[in-house]
């Protein structure tokens, strides 16, 4: 659809030989699922661009939301979806605002259960995960090498984890 099948063989060969993808495919990690969901989101984006229906835009949002549960950076795909929704013409009569609303609603539908769970357990409004700050520090702070490391600058990183569970609030 975007390129000919012959040209598509080149990135397919690179993807098939990409070492980290092969490694993560053999592990019980969410990375393989995230990769599949991101590819599905791109396919749905192309299909929604070709034939603009509310169902396609909604499905795109749900898949982006599910992908964000594995890799929160997938929320960046919402920007791509917004760009396509807002720049394509309204040849089929579907307004750009309706397409964009469907994508956002679909993503919210997929993410809402995790956000609700985070609120119920931690009593904090955390969208998906609260680990963005520490990961940013570990990857870019002093001593970052690009490999896994335990951050000695953060005392909690070297101590055993103790879960913080708040008792449920009683109804008045």
C-alpha atoms as a PDB file:
ATOM      1  CA  UNK A   1       0.000   0.000   0.000  1.00  0.00           C
ATOM      2  CA  UNK A   2       2.767   2.420   0.861  1.00  0.00           C
ATOM      3  CA  UNK A   3       5.497   0.752  -1.208  1.00  0.00           C
ATOM      4  CA  UNK A   4       5.651  -2.200  -3.560  1.00  0.00           C
ATOM      5  CA  UNK A   5       5.987  -5.727  -2.112  1.00  0.00           C
ATOM      6  CA  UNK A   6       9.483  -5.957  -3.601  1.00  0.00           C
ATOM      7  CA  UNK A   7      10.659  -2.843  -1.752  1.00  0.00           C
ATOM      8  CA  UNK A   8       8.950  -4.026   1.435  1.00  0.00           C
ATOM      9  CA  UNK A   9      11.264  -7.050   1.516  1.00  0.00           C
ATOM     10  CA  UNK A  10      14.213  -4.836   2.518  1.00  0.00           C
ATOM     11  CA  UNK A  11      12.844  -3.615   5.887  1.00  0.00           C
ATOM     12  CA  UNK A  12      11.328  -7.068   6.425  1.00  0.00           C
ATOM     13  CA  UNK A  13      14.785  -8.635   6.126  1.00  0.00           C
ATOM     14  CA  UNK A  14      16.234  -6.079   8.547  1.00  0.00           C
ATOM     15  CA  UNK A  15      13.433  -6.743  11.042  1.00  0.00           C
ATOM     16  CA  UNK A  16      13.921 -10.512  10.742  1.00  0.00           C
ATOM     17  CA  UNK A  17      17.639 -10.197  11.447  1.00  0.00           C
ATOM     18  CA  UNK A  18      17.419  -7.572  14.209  1.00  0.00           C
ATOM     19  CA  UNK A  19      19.131  -9.181  17.204  1.00  0.00           C
ATOM     20  CA  UNK A  20      17.306  -7.452  20.081  1.00  0.00           C
ATOM     21  CA  UNK A  21      13.922  -8.345  18.582  1.00  0.00           C
ATOM     22  CA  UNK A  22      14.980 -11.979  18.286  1.00  0.00           C
ATOM     23  CA  UNK A  23      16.217 -11.953  21.881  1.00  0.00           C
ATOM     24  CA  UNK A  24      13.061 -10.401  23.304  1.00  0.00           C
ATOM     25  CA  UNK A  25      10.892 -12.746  21.259  1.00  0.00           C
ATOM     26  CA  UNK A  26      12.355 -15.644  23.248  1.00  0.00           C
ATOM     27  CA  UNK A  27      11.679 -14.012  26.632  1.00  0.00           C
ATOM     28  CA  UNK A  28       8.490 -13.754  28.622  1.00  0.00           C
ATOM     29  CA  UNK A  29       8.387  -9.984  28.341  1.00  0.00           C
ATOM     30  CA  UNK A  30       5.877  -7.510  27.018  1.00  0.00           C
ATOM     31  CA  UNK A  31       8.265  -6.205  24.366  1.00  0.00           C
ATOM     32  CA  UNK A  32       7.179  -8.738  21.750  1.00  0.00           C
ATOM     33  CA  UNK A  33       3.528  -7.912  22.360  1.00  0.00           C
ATOM     34  CA  UNK A  34       4.298  -4.179  22.272  1.00  0.00           C
ATOM     35  CA  UNK A  35       6.086  -4.563  18.939  1.00  0.00           C
ATOM     36  CA  UNK A  36       3.108  -6.425  17.465  1.00  0.00           C
ATOM     37  CA  UNK A  37       0.656  -3.821  18.788  1.00  0.00           C
ATOM     38  CA  UNK A  38       2.733  -0.945  17.396  1.00  0.00           C
ATOM     39  CA  UNK A  39       2.855  -2.627  13.980  1.00  0.00           C
ATOM     40  CA  UNK A  40      -0.903  -3.226  14.164  1.00  0.00           C
ATOM     41  CA  UNK A  41      -1.435   0.441  15.033  1.00  0.00           C
ATOM     42  CA  UNK A  42       0.529   1.538  11.976  1.00  0.00           C
ATOM     43  CA  UNK A  43      -1.484  -0.840   9.784  1.00  0.00           C
ATOM     44  CA  UNK A  44      -4.758   0.458  11.238  1.00  0.00           C
ATOM     45  CA  UNK A  45      -3.573   4.030  10.687  1.00  0.00           C
ATOM     46  CA  UNK A  46      -2.989   3.273   7.007  1.00  0.00           C
ATOM     47  CA  UNK A  47      -6.403   1.604   6.725  1.00  0.00           C
ATOM     48  CA  UNK A  48      -8.156   4.477   8.484  1.00  0.00           C
ATOM     49  CA  UNK A  49      -6.420   6.883   6.130  1.00  0.00           C
ATOM     50  CA  UNK A  50      -7.687   4.942   3.105  1.00  0.00           C
ATOM     51  CA  UNK A  51     -11.280   4.524   4.263  1.00  0.00           C
ATOM     52  CA  UNK A  52     -12.321   6.883   7.000  1.00  0.00           C
ATOM     53  CA  UNK A  53     -14.885   5.170   9.203  1.00  0.00           C
ATOM     54  CA  UNK A  54     -15.517   5.726  12.880  1.00  0.00           C
ATOM     55  CA  UNK A  55     -14.894   2.031  13.580  1.00  0.00           C
ATOM     56  CA  UNK A  56     -11.427   2.138  12.042  1.00  0.00           C
ATOM     57  CA  UNK A  57     -10.450   5.234  14.007  1.00  0.00           C
ATOM     58  CA  UNK A  58     -11.847   3.724  17.211  1.00  0.00           C
ATOM     59  CA  UNK A  59      -9.944   0.456  16.636  1.00  0.00           C
ATOM     60  CA  UNK A  60      -6.790   2.472  16.035  1.00  0.00           C
ATOM     61  CA  UNK A  61      -7.219   4.234  19.364  1.00  0.00           C
ATOM     62  CA  UNK A  62      -7.810   0.982  21.237  1.00  0.00           C
ATOM     63  CA  UNK A  63      -4.700  -0.624  19.743  1.00  0.00           C
ATOM     64  CA  UNK A  64      -2.590   2.452  20.523  1.00  0.00           C
ATOM     65  CA  UNK A  65      -3.926   2.390  24.097  1.00  0.00           C
ATOM     66  CA  UNK A  66      -3.139  -1.309  24.490  1.00  0.00           C
ATOM     67  CA  UNK A  67       0.351  -0.729  23.098  1.00  0.00           C
ATOM     68  CA  UNK A  68       0.833   2.092  25.592  1.00  0.00           C
ATOM     69  CA  UNK A  69       0.125  -0.321  28.441  1.00  0.00           C
ATOM     70  CA  UNK A  70       3.279  -2.190  27.427  1.00  0.00           C
ATOM     71  CA  UNK A  71       5.300   0.843  26.308  1.00  0.00           C
ATOM     72  CA  UNK A  72       3.887   4.214  27.437  1.00  0.00           C
ATOM     73  CA  UNK A  73       5.909   5.909  24.702  1.00  0.00           C
ATOM     74  CA  UNK A  74       3.364   4.436  22.267  1.00  0.00           C
ATOM     75  CA  UNK A  75       1.127   7.357  23.198  1.00  0.00           C
ATOM     76  CA  UNK A  76       3.284   9.257  20.710  1.00  0.00           C
ATOM     77  CA  UNK A  77       1.406   7.353  18.007  1.00  0.00           C
ATOM     78  CA  UNK A  78      -1.613   9.449  18.970  1.00  0.00           C
ATOM     79  CA  UNK A  79       0.238  12.421  17.470  1.00  0.00           C
ATOM     80  CA  UNK A  80       0.649  10.553  14.184  1.00  0.00           C
ATOM     81  CA  UNK A  81      -3.022   9.594  14.237  1.00  0.00           C
ATOM     82  CA  UNK A  82      -4.000  13.196  14.949  1.00  0.00           C
ATOM     83  CA  UNK A  83      -1.820  14.447  12.105  1.00  0.00           C
ATOM     84  CA  UNK A  84      -3.415  12.008   9.653  1.00  0.00           C
ATOM     85  CA  UNK A  85      -6.928  12.715  10.922  1.00  0.00           C
ATOM     86  CA  UNK A  86      -6.490  16.473  10.665  1.00  0.00           C
ATOM     87  CA  UNK A  87      -4.622  16.647   7.351  1.00  0.00           C
ATOM     88  CA  UNK A  88      -6.682  14.243   5.269  1.00  0.00           C
ATOM     89  CA  UNK A  89      -9.658  15.569   3.387  1.00  0.00           C
ATOM     90  CA  UNK A  90     -13.243  14.830   4.310  1.00  0.00           C
ATOM     91  CA  UNK A  91     -14.034  13.035   1.055  1.00  0.00           C
ATOM     92  CA  UNK A  92     -16.123  10.394   2.826  1.00  0.00           C
ATOM     93  CA  UNK A  93     -18.005  12.922   4.905  1.00  0.00           C
ATOM     94  CA  UNK A  94     -16.294  11.951   8.170  1.00  0.00           C
ATOM     95  CA  UNK A  95     -15.126  15.075   9.920  1.00  0.00           C
ATOM     96  CA  UNK A  96     -11.550  15.234  11.163  1.00  0.00           C
ATOM     97  CA  UNK A  97     -12.756  16.125  14.648  1.00  0.00           C
ATOM     98  CA  UNK A  98     -14.931  12.984  14.791  1.00  0.00           C
ATOM     99  CA  UNK A  99     -12.017  10.804  13.680  1.00  0.00           C
ATOM    100  CA  UNK A 100      -9.753  12.368  16.276  1.00  0.00           C
ATOM    101  CA  UNK A 101     -12.396  11.971  18.991  1.00  0.00           C
ATOM    102  CA  UNK A 102     -12.745   8.268  18.141  1.00  0.00           C
ATOM    103  CA  UNK A 103      -8.981   7.709  18.367  1.00  0.00           C
ATOM    104  CA  UNK A 104      -8.745   9.463  21.720  1.00  0.00           C
ATOM    105  CA  UNK A 105     -11.817   7.668  23.071  1.00  0.00           C
ATOM    106  CA  UNK A 106     -10.426   4.292  21.967  1.00  0.00           C
ATOM    107  CA  UNK A 107      -7.094   4.949  23.661  1.00  0.00           C
ATOM    108  CA  UNK A 108      -8.839   6.134  26.828  1.00  0.00           C
ATOM    109  CA  UNK A 109     -11.011   3.010  26.772  1.00  0.00           C
ATOM    110  CA  UNK A 110      -7.937   0.766  26.784  1.00  0.00           C
ATOM    111  CA  UNK A 111      -6.000   2.778  29.389  1.00  0.00           C
ATOM    112  CA  UNK A 112      -8.849   3.580  31.818  1.00  0.00           C
ATOM    113  CA  UNK A 113      -8.834   0.233  33.689  1.00  0.00           C
ATOM    114  CA  UNK A 114      -5.132   0.604  34.529  1.00  0.00           C
ATOM    115  CA  UNK A 115      -5.580   4.222  35.600  1.00  0.00           C
ATOM    116  CA  UNK A 116      -8.512   3.202  37.805  1.00  0.00           C
ATOM    117  CA  UNK A 117      -6.442   0.394  39.306  1.00  0.00           C
ATOM    118  CA  UNK A 118      -3.586   2.801  40.028  1.00  0.00           C
ATOM    119  CA  UNK A 119      -6.018   5.134  41.789  1.00  0.00           C
ATOM    120  CA  UNK A 120      -7.577   2.347  43.840  1.00  0.00           C
ATOM    121  CA  UNK A 121      -4.226   0.903  44.960  1.00  0.00           C
ATOM    122  CA  UNK A 122      -2.012   3.960  45.345  1.00  0.00           C
ATOM    123  CA  UNK A 123      -4.582   6.771  45.660  1.00  0.00           C
ATOM    124  CA  UNK A 124      -2.615   8.695  43.056  1.00  0.00           C
ATOM    125  CA  UNK A 125      -3.758   9.732  39.562  1.00  0.00           C
ATOM    126  CA  UNK A 126      -1.126   7.793  37.584  1.00  0.00           C
ATOM    127  CA  UNK A 127      -2.119   7.326  33.936  1.00  0.00           C
ATOM    128  CA  UNK A 128      -0.144   4.133  33.217  1.00  0.00           C
ATOM    129  CA  UNK A 129       3.088   4.008  35.180  1.00  0.00           C
ATOM    130  CA  UNK A 130       5.040   6.211  37.535  1.00  0.00           C
ATOM    131  CA  UNK A 131       8.487   4.991  36.498  1.00  0.00           C
ATOM    132  CA  UNK A 132       9.198   7.592  33.820  1.00  0.00           C
ATOM    133  CA  UNK A 133      11.324   9.831  36.039  1.00  0.00           C
ATOM    134  CA  UNK A 134      13.629   7.136  37.360  1.00  0.00           C
ATOM    135  CA  UNK A 135      14.051   5.621  33.904  1.00  0.00           C
ATOM    136  CA  UNK A 136      14.939   9.035  32.494  1.00  0.00           C
ATOM    137  CA  UNK A 137      17.512   9.479  35.277  1.00  0.00           C
ATOM    138  CA  UNK A 138      19.020   6.002  34.815  1.00  0.00           C
ATOM    139  CA  UNK A 139      19.300   6.388  31.065  1.00  0.00           C
ATOM    140  CA  UNK A 140      20.613   9.949  30.959  1.00  0.00           C
ATOM    141  CA  UNK A 141      22.001  10.816  34.382  1.00  0.00           C
ATOM    142  CA  UNK A 142      25.567  10.645  35.684  1.00  0.00           C
ATOM    143  CA  UNK A 143      27.041   7.201  35.210  1.00  0.00           C
ATOM    144  CA  UNK A 144      24.651   6.217  32.404  1.00  0.00           C
ATOM    145  CA  UNK A 145      26.294   3.743  30.030  1.00  0.00           C
ATOM    146  CA  UNK A 146      23.345   2.464  28.044  1.00  0.00           C
ATOM    147  CA  UNK A 147      23.349  -0.806  29.979  1.00  0.00           C
ATOM    148  CA  UNK A 148      21.344  -1.835  33.027  1.00  0.00           C
ATOM    149  CA  UNK A 149      22.631  -0.446  36.296  1.00  0.00           C
ATOM    150  CA  UNK A 150      21.487   0.008  39.859  1.00  0.00           C
ATOM    151  CA  UNK A 151      21.441   3.696  40.648  1.00  0.00           C
ATOM    152  CA  UNK A 152      23.402   4.210  43.859  1.00  0.00           C
ATOM    153  CA  UNK A 153      22.361   7.894  43.957  1.00  0.00           C
ATOM    154  CA  UNK A 154      18.775   6.846  44.727  1.00  0.00           C
ATOM    155  CA  UNK A 155      18.666   5.135  48.135  1.00  0.00           C
ATOM    156  CA  UNK A 156      15.458   3.249  47.406  1.00  0.00           C
ATOM    157  CA  UNK A 157      17.082   1.571  44.389  1.00  0.00           C
ATOM    158  CA  UNK A 158      19.401  -0.499  46.572  1.00  0.00           C
ATOM    159  CA  UNK A 159      16.874  -1.314  49.304  1.00  0.00           C
ATOM    160  CA  UNK A 160      14.321  -4.120  49.108  1.00  0.00           C
ATOM    161  CA  UNK A 161      11.004  -3.020  47.696  1.00  0.00           C
ATOM    162  CA  UNK A 162       8.126  -2.668  50.114  1.00  0.00           C
ATOM    163  CA  UNK A 163       4.724  -2.149  48.523  1.00  0.00           C
ATOM    164  CA  UNK A 164       2.658   0.801  49.600  1.00  0.00           C
ATOM    165  CA  UNK A 165      -0.895  -0.388  49.979  1.00  0.00           C
ATOM    166  CA  UNK A 166      -3.458   1.991  51.349  1.00  0.00           C
ATOM    167  CA  UNK A 167      -6.527   0.566  53.095  1.00  0.00           C
ATOM    168  CA  UNK A 168      -9.765   1.217  51.238  1.00  0.00           C
ATOM    169  CA  UNK A 169     -11.703   4.275  52.282  1.00  0.00           C
ATOM    170  CA  UNK A 170     -14.917   3.682  54.144  1.00  0.00           C
ATOM    171  CA  UNK A 171     -18.122   5.090  52.765  1.00  0.00           C
ATOM    172  CA  UNK A 172     -19.637   7.828  54.888  1.00  0.00           C
END
